[in-house]
């Protein structure tokens, strides 16, 4: 199913459309704008395209209008020539060409092999995790999955929804670091059920080993195939690791690919497993420091949420257990395989829903269905556009904003990381997930610094870690950037663009609604005025992350650029 403005595009046309939108948005070139026609020079050639520039400076382009040196471009046939003009090294250009080609190929595979309903509006949450196949609406490598073959994509991608079994390993206790809510055997018995636990225990016993010496760890079957012939060869040979076979429960992939849902028992945990493949230019392993800290972060967030009635519409899918391979004497950052042999357990969605409630991944709100209408069409018709949008902003924006303003904690609530809970389309509350790597705070801005976990007690290297590299940030502005980036600039702008195209409400009108809600929040919380001033969310321009610039330059650090801020008009109030 398409995103707005991409309905009639081939996969490679969409890839190049998003690439050029990113180049212009991130100020990689100097652009002239003449009545909806944008011109710039890239390499030695002159480019011209029609489109519009929306809120926060986001570009929305008609890729089929692209002209290069005055000639209408056939993007599908000549897209690699555009790659040659990019401001990047030859190595980076080659890598990008591979990612773009793979993205287009996997999209084409989906088109040919995955049957799709005319509408996804009545699908349950787990089914939507597979059928929301559009991928990232901004990043051009939205389905690269570099390292996956077409067969891997079919077997382990969310789109085909094929169930598969996990591989199970026993890891010597000397070589595992774990944070479990119960003793090892009791934890795994509860997670797996008696039959599966006894089966795996029997496999270990057959090797004349016991759980006194070893701990259990799952591995994605694709990851097992990638690692067993080289990286795992020595630990398997000396029985630091023992392969126990396949499990009994089946799993299917979520949108993130590496997070798996239990297809045999939907109320059992989602399991997040590292994959040594690249998607949207990021390797999909697990940040080693975050694995055993995930339960600590979850407990911290839960404590804050439960302490504040104004956060009653916000909850989390708790990440309650984590374990990873660990070489004695090394830190999480230096230990081999720490990011590749690991697991994080997360609560399933189903037990979190009350009677009459349904849940959808937030990015469903950005989509059109094959009938040409938005996913939200029935809800808008039932409740009215303005009333429904007002409620959506109350439910989605204000709790995340309150967590930032009142408590000084920034989370990363982008389209895949948020879940909207509704009753017959009426927004009720929001659930956030996948925050083990992306919760941020600025110590002087924390409302309850005494609640801040001692992260270094679990990962000692964090005691001397550089500021801004992990959870602690050097400024309030970085917290604001995280929230405004992920919630506003790269997420809600997709909703506002769909609303404009489908219902005629201008993006500016949509963001006026959001801005007024933030102003009302400020009026209702005069005690937070100084904190709002520190956030500076009404500055004329705000920093945002430059996702593609970082790719072009090969920078290890984040890159940023300034964008116009629609909330600036409230700065004088």
Protein backbone atom coordinates (compact mmCIF):
# COMPACT_ATOMS: atom_id res chain seq x y z
CA UNK A 1 0.00 0.00 0.00
CA UNK A 2 1.29 3.49 -0.75
CA UNK A 3 2.30 6.54 1.16
CA UNK A 4 0.64 9.75 -0.06
CA UNK A 5 2.32 11.14 -3.18
CA UNK A 6 3.87 7.74 -3.96
CA UNK A 7 0.85 5.83 -5.23
CA UNK A 8 1.95 5.57 -8.86
CA UNK A 9 5.69 5.25 -8.38
CA UNK A 10 7.90 2.26 -9.03
CA UNK A 11 10.01 1.19 -6.07
CA UNK A 12 13.18 2.78 -7.44
CA UNK A 13 11.32 6.00 -8.22
CA UNK A 14 10.22 6.18 -4.58
CA UNK A 15 13.79 5.49 -3.44
CA UNK A 16 15.20 8.33 -5.55
CA UNK A 17 12.32 10.63 -4.60
CA UNK A 18 13.14 10.17 -0.91
CA UNK A 19 16.85 10.52 -1.63
CA UNK A 20 16.40 13.90 -3.32
CA UNK A 21 13.95 15.07 -0.66
CA UNK A 22 16.60 14.26 1.96
CA UNK A 23 19.36 16.02 0.01
CA UNK A 24 17.31 19.20 -0.22
CA UNK A 25 15.98 19.01 3.34
CA UNK A 26 19.45 18.52 4.82
CA UNK A 27 20.93 21.45 2.86
CA UNK A 28 23.42 19.24 1.03
CA UNK A 29 23.04 21.56 -1.97
CA UNK A 30 22.07 25.18 -2.49
CA UNK A 31 18.46 25.25 -3.68
CA UNK A 32 16.54 27.98 -5.48
CA UNK A 33 12.75 27.94 -5.20
CA UNK A 34 10.62 29.55 -7.88
CA UNK A 35 6.88 28.97 -7.56
CA UNK A 36 7.06 25.32 -6.62
CA UNK A 37 10.03 24.47 -8.84
CA UNK A 38 13.28 23.66 -7.08
CA UNK A 39 16.62 23.96 -8.86
CA UNK A 40 20.12 22.99 -7.72
CA UNK A 41 23.44 21.76 -9.00
CA UNK A 42 24.71 18.30 -8.11
CA UNK A 43 28.06 17.21 -9.44
CA UNK A 44 28.39 18.90 -12.82
CA UNK A 45 24.70 18.80 -13.68
CA UNK A 46 21.70 21.07 -13.20
CA UNK A 47 18.61 19.59 -11.55
CA UNK A 48 15.02 20.88 -11.61
CA UNK A 49 11.94 19.36 -10.00
CA UNK A 50 8.38 20.32 -9.03
CA UNK A 51 7.06 19.97 -5.52
CA UNK A 52 6.30 21.75 -2.29
CA UNK A 53 8.06 22.55 0.95
CA UNK A 54 5.95 21.84 3.98
CA UNK A 55 6.14 22.33 7.71
CA UNK A 56 9.60 22.09 9.32
CA UNK A 57 10.99 22.51 5.80
CA UNK A 58 10.15 18.97 4.68
CA UNK A 59 10.18 18.61 0.88
CA UNK A 60 7.45 16.71 -1.00
CA UNK A 61 8.55 16.22 -4.60
CA UNK A 62 7.07 14.96 -7.85
CA UNK A 63 9.90 12.67 -8.93
CA UNK A 64 8.36 12.14 -12.36
CA UNK A 65 8.88 15.85 -13.09
CA UNK A 66 12.65 15.65 -12.53
CA UNK A 67 14.76 17.26 -15.25
CA UNK A 68 18.55 16.98 -15.48
CA UNK A 69 20.37 19.46 -17.68
CA UNK A 70 17.03 20.50 -19.14
CA UNK A 71 15.97 16.97 -20.15
CA UNK A 72 13.15 15.03 -18.47
CA UNK A 73 14.84 12.22 -16.52
CA UNK A 74 13.85 8.57 -16.78
CA UNK A 75 14.55 7.81 -13.13
CA UNK A 76 13.86 4.09 -13.36
CA UNK A 77 16.40 3.68 -16.16
CA UNK A 78 19.08 6.16 -15.12
CA UNK A 79 18.93 6.36 -11.32
CA UNK A 80 22.56 5.25 -10.95
CA UNK A 81 23.67 8.40 -12.77
CA UNK A 82 22.07 10.41 -9.97
CA UNK A 83 24.04 8.38 -7.43
CA UNK A 84 27.23 9.31 -9.28
CA UNK A 85 26.50 13.00 -8.65
CA UNK A 86 26.14 12.61 -4.88
CA UNK A 87 28.53 14.50 -2.56
CA UNK A 88 30.11 11.29 -1.27
CA UNK A 89 33.13 9.03 -1.75
CA UNK A 90 33.11 6.31 -4.40
CA UNK A 91 32.91 3.70 -1.64
CA UNK A 92 29.83 5.37 -0.15
CA UNK A 93 28.21 5.75 -3.57
CA UNK A 94 28.71 2.05 -4.22
CA UNK A 95 27.21 1.13 -0.84
CA UNK A 96 24.23 3.42 -1.45
CA UNK A 97 23.66 1.95 -4.90
CA UNK A 98 23.62 -1.52 -3.35
CA UNK A 99 21.16 -0.44 -0.65
CA UNK A 100 18.87 1.27 -3.13
CA UNK A 101 18.95 -1.66 -5.53
CA UNK A 102 18.16 -4.11 -2.73
CA UNK A 103 15.35 -1.88 -1.44
CA UNK A 104 13.74 -1.79 -4.88
CA UNK A 105 14.24 -5.54 -5.38
CA UNK A 106 12.61 -6.46 -2.07
CA UNK A 107 9.70 -4.09 -2.73
CA UNK A 108 9.23 -5.77 -6.09
CA UNK A 109 9.39 -9.19 -4.41
CA UNK A 110 6.63 -8.10 -2.04
CA UNK A 111 4.51 -6.88 -4.93
CA UNK A 112 4.78 -10.20 -6.71
CA UNK A 113 4.56 -12.65 -3.83
CA UNK A 114 2.65 -11.11 -0.90
CA UNK A 115 -1.11 -11.06 -1.24
CA UNK A 116 -2.62 -7.90 0.19
CA UNK A 117 -6.15 -7.02 1.20
CA UNK A 118 -7.85 -3.98 -0.27
CA UNK A 119 -7.91 -2.59 3.25
CA UNK A 120 -5.88 -3.25 6.40
CA UNK A 121 -8.28 -1.33 8.61
CA UNK A 122 -9.72 -4.39 10.32
CA UNK A 123 -6.49 -6.28 10.87
CA UNK A 124 -5.34 -6.98 14.41
CA UNK A 125 -2.11 -5.57 15.79
CA UNK A 126 0.10 -8.56 15.03
CA UNK A 127 -1.16 -8.80 11.45
CA UNK A 128 -0.56 -5.08 10.92
CA UNK A 129 3.05 -5.50 12.01
CA UNK A 130 3.55 -7.55 8.86
CA UNK A 131 1.22 -5.83 6.43
CA UNK A 132 2.50 -2.28 7.09
CA UNK A 133 5.13 -2.81 4.44
CA UNK A 134 5.78 0.78 3.33
CA UNK A 135 8.92 1.20 5.41
CA UNK A 136 10.55 4.47 6.48
CA UNK A 137 8.80 7.45 4.83
CA UNK A 138 11.98 9.59 4.81
CA UNK A 139 15.05 7.37 4.50
CA UNK A 140 15.62 6.13 0.92
CA UNK A 141 17.09 2.79 2.08
CA UNK A 142 13.75 1.94 3.65
CA UNK A 143 13.91 -1.78 2.89
CA UNK A 144 17.58 -2.46 2.16
CA UNK A 145 18.11 -5.33 4.63
CA UNK A 146 21.66 -5.65 3.35
CA UNK A 147 22.78 -9.21 4.02
CA UNK A 148 19.36 -10.73 3.38
CA UNK A 149 18.83 -12.73 0.20
CA UNK A 150 15.39 -12.95 -1.39
CA UNK A 151 15.00 -16.31 0.36
CA UNK A 152 15.92 -14.73 3.71
CA UNK A 153 13.44 -11.93 3.07
CA UNK A 154 10.72 -14.49 2.42
CA UNK A 155 11.61 -16.59 5.45
CA UNK A 156 12.30 -13.86 8.01
CA UNK A 157 10.79 -10.60 6.75
CA UNK A 158 7.58 -9.35 8.36
CA UNK A 159 5.73 -9.02 5.04
CA UNK A 160 5.38 -12.75 4.40
CA UNK A 161 4.43 -13.40 8.07
CA UNK A 162 6.02 -16.84 7.89
CA UNK A 163 6.52 -18.41 11.32
CA UNK A 164 9.90 -19.88 12.20
CA UNK A 165 11.67 -21.50 15.14
CA UNK A 166 14.50 -19.99 17.16
CA UNK A 167 17.88 -21.59 17.71
CA UNK A 168 18.80 -22.17 21.33
CA UNK A 169 22.28 -22.08 22.83
CA UNK A 170 23.75 -22.86 26.21
CA UNK A 171 26.39 -20.29 27.19
CA UNK A 172 28.97 -20.90 29.89
CA UNK A 173 28.11 -18.87 32.96
CA UNK A 174 31.59 -17.36 32.80
CA UNK A 175 30.75 -15.93 29.37
CA UNK A 176 27.32 -14.43 29.84
CA UNK A 177 26.10 -11.21 31.41
CA UNK A 178 22.40 -11.16 32.19
CA UNK A 179 19.75 -9.21 34.03
CA UNK A 180 16.76 -11.46 34.72
CA UNK A 181 13.81 -10.73 37.03
CA UNK A 182 14.04 -14.23 38.59
CA UNK A 183 16.68 -16.91 39.11
CA UNK A 184 17.78 -18.45 35.83
CA UNK A 185 15.86 -21.74 35.91
CA UNK A 186 12.65 -20.21 37.25
CA UNK A 187 12.78 -17.45 34.64
CA UNK A 188 13.16 -19.80 31.71
CA UNK A 189 10.58 -22.25 33.00
CA UNK A 190 8.07 -19.40 33.15
CA UNK A 191 9.03 -18.02 29.73
CA UNK A 192 9.13 -21.30 27.82
CA UNK A 193 6.65 -23.51 29.59
CA UNK A 194 7.51 -26.84 31.18
CA UNK A 195 7.63 -28.95 28.01
CA UNK A 196 10.01 -26.70 26.10
CA UNK A 197 12.21 -26.07 29.14
CA UNK A 198 12.59 -29.80 29.81
CA UNK A 199 13.36 -30.45 26.16
CA UNK A 200 16.20 -27.93 26.10
CA UNK A 201 17.43 -29.09 29.50
CA UNK A 202 17.54 -32.63 28.14
CA UNK A 203 19.63 -31.50 25.19
CA UNK A 204 22.14 -29.93 27.59
CA UNK A 205 22.16 -33.01 29.80
CA UNK A 206 22.97 -35.14 26.74
CA UNK A 207 26.24 -33.17 26.55
CA UNK A 208 26.97 -34.08 30.20
CA UNK A 209 26.45 -30.46 31.21
CA UNK A 210 24.02 -28.73 33.57
CA UNK A 211 22.45 -25.35 34.17
CA UNK A 212 24.81 -24.91 37.11
CA UNK A 213 27.52 -24.27 34.51
CA UNK A 214 25.50 -22.80 31.65
CA UNK A 215 22.79 -20.25 30.89
CA UNK A 216 20.20 -20.36 28.12
CA UNK A 217 20.15 -17.92 25.20
CA UNK A 218 18.06 -17.81 22.00
CA UNK A 219 19.44 -16.85 18.59
CA UNK A 220 17.69 -15.88 15.37
CA UNK A 221 18.09 -18.73 12.84
CA UNK A 222 19.48 -16.30 10.24
CA UNK A 223 22.04 -15.05 12.74
CA UNK A 224 23.02 -18.64 13.57
CA UNK A 225 23.71 -19.34 9.90
CA UNK A 226 25.80 -16.18 9.61
CA UNK A 227 27.96 -16.78 12.67
CA UNK A 228 28.38 -20.53 13.13
CA UNK A 229 31.12 -21.09 10.53
CA UNK A 230 33.44 -18.31 11.67
CA UNK A 231 32.73 -16.14 14.73
CA UNK A 232 31.22 -19.01 16.74
CA UNK A 233 33.64 -21.70 15.57
CA UNK A 234 36.00 -21.44 18.53
CA UNK A 235 33.40 -21.00 21.31
CA UNK A 236 31.48 -23.97 19.91
CA UNK A 237 34.63 -26.08 19.71
CA UNK A 238 35.63 -25.45 23.33
CA UNK A 239 32.00 -25.67 24.53
CA UNK A 240 31.81 -22.09 25.69
CA UNK A 241 28.66 -22.33 23.56
CA UNK A 242 26.59 -25.47 23.02
CA UNK A 243 23.93 -25.67 20.32
CA UNK A 244 20.79 -27.22 21.81
CA UNK A 245 18.61 -27.26 18.70
CA UNK A 246 15.40 -25.52 17.70
CA UNK A 247 12.71 -24.43 20.13
CA UNK A 248 9.05 -25.42 20.13
CA UNK A 249 7.41 -21.98 19.89
CA UNK A 250 7.15 -20.30 16.50
CA UNK A 251 7.82 -16.60 15.93
CA UNK A 252 7.08 -14.00 13.26
CA UNK A 253 8.94 -10.78 12.57
CA UNK A 254 7.60 -7.36 13.50
CA UNK A 255 8.19 -4.24 11.39
CA UNK A 256 11.64 -3.84 12.91
CA UNK A 257 12.59 -7.34 11.65
CA UNK A 258 14.77 -8.09 14.69
CA UNK A 259 11.91 -7.98 17.20
CA UNK A 260 9.91 -11.21 17.05
CA UNK A 261 6.36 -11.94 18.15
CA UNK A 262 5.40 -15.34 19.54
CA UNK A 263 3.06 -16.91 16.98
CA UNK A 264 2.33 -19.93 19.17
CA UNK A 265 1.31 -17.98 22.28
CA UNK A 266 0.49 -14.33 21.59
CA UNK A 267 0.65 -13.37 25.28
CA UNK A 268 4.24 -14.52 25.61
CA UNK A 269 7.13 -12.09 25.30
CA UNK A 270 8.32 -10.33 22.21
CA UNK A 271 11.95 -11.32 21.78
CA UNK A 272 14.45 -8.86 20.38
CA UNK A 273 17.39 -10.62 18.73
CA UNK A 274 20.38 -9.04 16.97
CA UNK A 275 20.76 -9.40 13.22
CA UNK A 276 24.06 -8.62 11.50
CA UNK A 277 22.30 -6.99 8.57
CA UNK A 278 21.85 -3.34 7.64
CA UNK A 279 18.54 -1.53 7.23
CA UNK A 280 18.02 2.23 6.80
CA UNK A 281 21.83 2.42 6.95
CA UNK A 282 22.01 0.99 10.49
CA UNK A 283 23.31 -2.41 11.52
CA UNK A 284 20.51 -4.24 13.31
CA UNK A 285 22.54 -5.72 16.12
CA UNK A 286 21.92 -4.64 19.73
CA UNK A 287 23.93 -1.93 21.45
CA UNK A 288 25.81 -4.03 24.03
CA UNK A 289 25.53 -1.55 26.89
CA UNK A 290 21.74 -1.37 26.52
CA UNK A 291 20.98 -5.08 26.80
CA UNK A 292 21.31 -5.60 30.54
CA UNK A 293 20.28 -2.01 31.21
CA UNK A 294 16.96 -2.42 29.39
CA UNK A 295 15.14 -3.67 32.52
CA UNK A 296 16.66 -0.83 34.55
CA UNK A 297 15.47 1.79 32.05
CA UNK A 298 12.01 0.20 31.99
CA UNK A 299 11.71 0.25 35.77
CA UNK A 300 12.82 3.88 35.87
CA UNK A 301 10.25 4.94 33.27
CA UNK A 302 7.51 2.95 34.97
CA UNK A 303 8.26 4.60 38.30
CA UNK A 304 7.94 8.05 36.76
CA UNK A 305 4.78 7.22 34.82
CA UNK A 306 3.10 5.69 37.85
CA UNK A 307 3.99 8.72 39.99
CA UNK A 308 2.16 11.22 37.76
CA UNK A 309 -1.57 11.07 37.02
CA UNK A 310 -1.01 13.28 33.97
CA UNK A 311 0.82 10.36 32.39
CA UNK A 312 -2.12 7.98 32.81
CA UNK A 313 -2.58 7.90 29.02
CA UNK A 314 1.05 6.82 28.54
CA UNK A 315 2.44 3.36 29.19
CA UNK A 316 5.35 1.27 28.01
CA UNK A 317 5.96 -2.22 26.75
CA UNK A 318 8.41 -3.10 29.47
CA UNK A 319 11.74 -4.62 28.49
CA UNK A 320 12.11 -6.79 31.53
CA UNK A 321 15.08 -9.07 30.86
CA UNK A 322 18.32 -8.98 28.90
CA UNK A 323 21.35 -11.19 28.36
CA UNK A 324 24.44 -11.11 26.15
CA UNK A 325 27.67 -12.92 25.42
CA UNK A 326 30.47 -11.59 27.59
CA UNK A 327 34.21 -12.23 27.58
CA UNK A 328 35.58 -12.02 31.14
CA UNK A 329 37.63 -8.92 31.79
CA UNK A 330 36.14 -6.94 28.91
CA UNK A 331 33.48 -4.24 28.82
CA UNK A 332 30.28 -4.45 26.83
CA UNK A 333 31.88 -2.21 24.20
CA UNK A 334 35.02 -4.31 23.73
CA UNK A 335 33.76 -7.85 24.29
CA UNK A 336 33.57 -9.82 21.01
CA UNK A 337 30.07 -10.93 19.99
CA UNK A 338 28.42 -8.82 22.71
CA UNK A 339 26.21 -7.08 20.16
CA UNK A 340 25.61 -10.19 18.04
CA UNK A 341 24.80 -12.91 20.59
CA UNK A 342 22.18 -11.39 22.86
CA UNK A 343 18.49 -11.06 23.67
CA UNK A 344 16.05 -8.54 25.16
CA UNK A 345 12.61 -9.63 26.39
CA UNK A 346 9.72 -7.23 25.94
CA UNK A 347 6.11 -7.46 27.04
CA UNK A 348 3.61 -8.58 24.43
CA UNK A 349 0.94 -6.13 23.34
CA UNK A 350 -2.07 -8.38 23.90
CA UNK A 351 -2.05 -8.46 27.74
CA UNK A 352 -1.82 -4.65 27.77
CA UNK A 353 -5.23 -4.16 26.13
CA UNK A 354 -8.48 -3.80 28.06
CA UNK A 355 -11.81 -5.15 26.88
CA UNK A 356 -13.03 -3.20 23.86
CA UNK A 357 -9.61 -1.73 23.08
CA UNK A 358 -7.64 -2.27 19.89
CA UNK A 359 -4.10 -1.26 19.01
CA UNK A 360 -2.32 -0.15 15.85
CA UNK A 361 1.30 0.79 15.16
CA UNK A 362 1.31 4.57 14.93
CA UNK A 363 2.70 4.61 11.40
CA UNK A 364 -0.58 3.10 10.16
CA UNK A 365 -2.02 6.61 10.52
CA UNK A 366 0.26 7.80 7.69
CA UNK A 367 -0.96 5.32 5.11
CA UNK A 368 -3.38 5.06 2.23
CA UNK A 369 -5.16 1.81 1.46
CA UNK A 370 -5.63 0.24 -1.96
CA UNK A 371 -9.13 1.69 -2.10
CA UNK A 372 -7.45 5.11 -2.34
CA UNK A 373 -8.63 6.28 1.07
CA UNK A 374 -6.56 6.85 4.22
CA UNK A 375 -6.31 4.08 6.80
CA UNK A 376 -8.14 6.47 9.16
CA UNK A 377 -10.98 7.25 6.73
CA UNK A 378 -13.72 5.49 8.69
CA UNK A 379 -12.71 7.09 11.96
CA UNK A 380 -12.62 10.57 10.45
CA UNK A 381 -16.05 10.00 8.93
CA UNK A 382 -17.46 8.81 12.26
CA UNK A 383 -16.06 11.50 14.55
CA UNK A 384 -15.29 14.42 12.24
CA UNK A 385 -11.80 15.51 11.20
CA UNK A 386 -11.20 18.35 13.67
CA UNK A 387 -12.60 16.49 16.67
CA UNK A 388 -10.65 13.33 15.88
CA UNK A 389 -7.38 15.19 15.27
CA UNK A 390 -7.79 17.17 18.48
CA UNK A 391 -8.19 13.95 20.41
CA UNK A 392 -5.23 12.35 18.63
CA UNK A 393 -2.96 15.23 19.61
CA UNK A 394 -4.17 15.06 23.22
CA UNK A 395 -3.44 11.35 23.42
CA UNK A 396 -0.21 11.14 21.44
CA UNK A 397 1.62 14.45 21.82
CA UNK A 398 0.79 15.74 25.29
CA UNK A 399 1.94 12.75 27.39
CA UNK A 400 5.30 12.59 25.58
CA UNK A 401 5.61 16.37 25.92
CA UNK A 402 4.75 16.24 29.63
CA UNK A 403 7.36 13.53 30.22
CA UNK A 404 9.91 15.87 28.67
CA UNK A 405 8.80 19.16 30.22
CA UNK A 406 7.82 18.03 33.71
CA UNK A 407 10.22 15.14 34.25
CA UNK A 408 13.13 15.99 31.96
CA UNK A 409 13.15 12.73 30.04
CA UNK A 410 13.21 12.46 26.26
CA UNK A 411 12.06 9.35 24.45
CA UNK A 412 12.07 8.46 20.76
CA UNK A 413 8.40 8.13 19.77
CA UNK A 414 8.64 7.65 16.00
CA UNK A 415 6.10 5.79 13.89
CA UNK A 416 7.25 2.26 14.66
CA UNK A 417 8.02 2.92 18.32
CA UNK A 418 4.54 4.14 19.24
CA UNK A 419 1.31 2.18 19.50
CA UNK A 420 -2.05 3.93 19.43
CA UNK A 421 -4.71 2.29 21.57
CA UNK A 422 -8.25 3.11 20.47
CA UNK A 423 -11.90 2.13 20.89
CA UNK A 424 -13.61 1.93 17.52
CA UNK A 425 -11.13 4.46 16.17
CA UNK A 426 -11.38 6.91 19.08
CA UNK A 427 -7.85 7.48 20.47
CA UNK A 428 -7.63 6.38 24.11
CA UNK A 429 -3.95 6.20 25.02
CA UNK A 430 -0.47 5.58 23.67
CA UNK A 431 2.08 2.87 24.39
CA UNK A 432 5.77 3.34 23.63
CA UNK A 433 8.34 0.62 23.01
CA UNK A 434 11.97 0.11 21.94
CA UNK A 435 13.51 2.70 24.23
CA UNK A 436 16.47 0.76 25.68
CA UNK A 437 18.93 2.72 23.48
CA UNK A 438 17.14 6.04 23.09
CA UNK A 439 15.98 7.36 26.47
CA UNK A 440 17.86 10.58 27.21
CA UNK A 441 18.16 12.98 30.13
CA UNK A 442 20.11 16.10 31.11
CA UNK A 443 20.98 15.75 34.78
CA UNK A 444 20.26 19.37 35.85
CA UNK A 445 16.89 19.12 34.07
CA UNK A 446 15.68 15.94 35.80
CA UNK A 447 12.74 16.58 38.12
CA UNK A 448 13.71 13.61 40.31
CA UNK A 449 17.46 13.08 39.95
CA UNK A 450 17.38 10.81 42.99
CA UNK A 451 15.43 8.28 40.89
CA UNK A 452 18.09 8.15 38.19
CA UNK A 453 19.42 4.59 38.01
CA UNK A 454 23.05 3.84 38.68
CA UNK A 455 23.78 2.60 35.17
CA UNK A 456 27.47 2.14 35.96
CA UNK A 457 26.68 -0.45 38.62
CA UNK A 458 25.68 -2.79 35.78
CA UNK A 459 27.94 -1.46 33.00
CA UNK A 460 30.96 -0.02 34.87
CA UNK A 461 32.52 1.60 31.81
CA UNK A 462 29.64 4.12 31.81
CA UNK A 463 31.12 5.78 34.90
CA UNK A 464 33.74 7.39 32.66
CA UNK A 465 31.82 7.40 29.39
CA UNK A 466 31.69 10.63 27.37
CA UNK A 467 28.59 12.76 27.77
CA UNK A 468 26.12 12.58 24.84
CA UNK A 469 27.20 9.05 23.84
CA UNK A 470 24.70 7.09 25.91
CA UNK A 471 21.77 8.21 28.11
CA UNK A 472 23.13 11.40 29.63
CA UNK A 473 23.06 14.53 27.46
CA UNK A 474 25.03 17.76 27.81
CA UNK A 475 22.10 20.12 27.17
CA UNK A 476 18.35 20.47 27.34
CA UNK A 477 18.39 21.31 23.64
CA UNK A 478 19.44 17.76 22.81
CA UNK A 479 16.40 16.40 24.65
CA UNK A 480 14.15 18.77 22.74
CA UNK A 481 15.80 17.72 19.49
CA UNK A 482 15.19 14.03 20.20
CA UNK A 483 11.48 14.52 20.87
CA UNK A 484 10.80 17.10 18.17
CA UNK A 485 12.78 15.07 15.62
CA UNK A 486 11.12 11.75 16.18
CA UNK A 487 7.61 12.82 17.14
CA UNK A 488 7.17 15.97 15.04
CA UNK A 489 9.66 16.30 12.18
CA UNK A 490 9.90 12.68 11.05
CA UNK A 491 6.55 11.30 12.24
CA UNK A 492 3.60 13.66 12.68
CA UNK A 493 4.61 15.55 9.53
CA UNK A 494 3.68 12.38 7.63
CA UNK A 495 0.22 12.49 9.20
CA UNK A 496 -0.20 16.21 8.48
CA UNK A 497 0.84 15.66 4.85
CA UNK A 498 -1.72 12.87 4.45
CA UNK A 499 -4.42 15.05 6.02
CA UNK A 500 -3.65 17.86 3.58
CA UNK A 501 -3.72 15.59 0.54
CA UNK A 502 -6.80 13.61 1.56
CA UNK A 503 -8.96 16.14 3.42
CA UNK A 504 -7.82 19.57 2.26
CA UNK A 505 -6.75 20.78 5.70
CA UNK A 506 -3.44 22.55 5.18
CA UNK A 507 -0.38 21.31 7.00
CA UNK A 508 -0.13 24.72 8.62
CA UNK A 509 -3.64 24.35 10.04
CA UNK A 510 -2.74 20.93 11.44
CA UNK A 511 0.37 22.31 13.11
CA UNK A 512 -1.57 25.30 14.40
CA UNK A 513 -3.68 22.75 16.27
CA UNK A 514 -0.56 21.14 17.71
CA UNK A 515 0.93 24.52 18.59
CA UNK A 516 -2.25 25.64 20.33
CA UNK A 517 -2.30 22.41 22.35
CA UNK A 518 1.26 23.12 23.49
CA UNK A 519 0.27 26.69 24.38
CA UNK A 520 -2.73 25.42 26.33
CA UNK A 521 -0.42 23.01 28.12
CA UNK A 522 1.86 25.91 29.07
CA UNK A 523 -1.12 27.95 30.32
CA UNK A 524 -2.30 25.00 32.42
CA UNK A 525 1.17 24.51 33.93
CA UNK A 526 2.49 27.94 34.97
CA UNK A 527 4.81 26.20 37.43
CA UNK A 528 6.68 24.74 34.43
CA UNK A 529 7.25 28.07 32.68
CA UNK A 530 10.99 28.21 33.37
CA UNK A 531 11.42 24.65 32.15
CA UNK A 532 9.56 25.44 28.94
CA UNK A 533 11.79 28.46 28.48
CA UNK A 534 14.85 26.23 28.83
CA UNK A 535 13.53 23.90 26.15
CA UNK A 536 13.27 26.78 23.72
CA UNK A 537 10.74 24.99 21.56
CA UNK A 538 9.52 28.28 20.04
CA UNK A 539 12.87 29.33 18.58
CA UNK A 540 12.73 30.49 14.96
CA UNK A 541 14.80 27.50 13.90
CA UNK A 542 15.54 24.21 15.61
CA UNK A 543 18.19 21.56 15.13
CA UNK A 544 17.27 18.26 13.53
CA UNK A 545 19.31 15.19 12.72
CA UNK A 546 20.71 14.93 9.18
CA UNK A 547 20.23 11.24 8.48
CA UNK A 548 21.59 11.15 4.93
CA UNK A 549 24.40 13.67 5.47
CA UNK A 550 25.86 11.32 8.03
CA UNK A 551 25.70 8.55 5.43
CA UNK A 552 27.35 10.70 2.76
CA UNK A 553 30.20 11.80 5.02
CA UNK A 554 30.75 8.49 6.78
CA UNK A 555 30.64 10.34 10.11
CA UNK A 556 30.47 8.27 13.28
CA UNK A 557 28.92 11.22 15.09
CA UNK A 558 25.44 12.54 14.44
CA UNK A 559 25.08 15.33 11.88
CA UNK A 560 22.54 18.15 12.26
CA UNK A 561 21.01 21.05 10.39
CA UNK A 562 18.57 23.86 11.18
CA UNK A 563 14.94 23.84 10.07
CA UNK A 564 12.13 26.43 10.33
CA UNK A 565 9.96 25.97 13.40
CA UNK A 566 6.16 26.35 13.05
CA UNK A 567 5.91 27.06 16.79
CA UNK A 568 8.01 30.23 16.55
CA UNK A 569 4.89 32.38 16.30
CA UNK A 570 4.13 31.53 19.93
CA UNK A 571 7.48 32.92 21.13
CA UNK A 572 6.08 36.40 21.89
CA UNK A 573 3.18 35.19 24.02
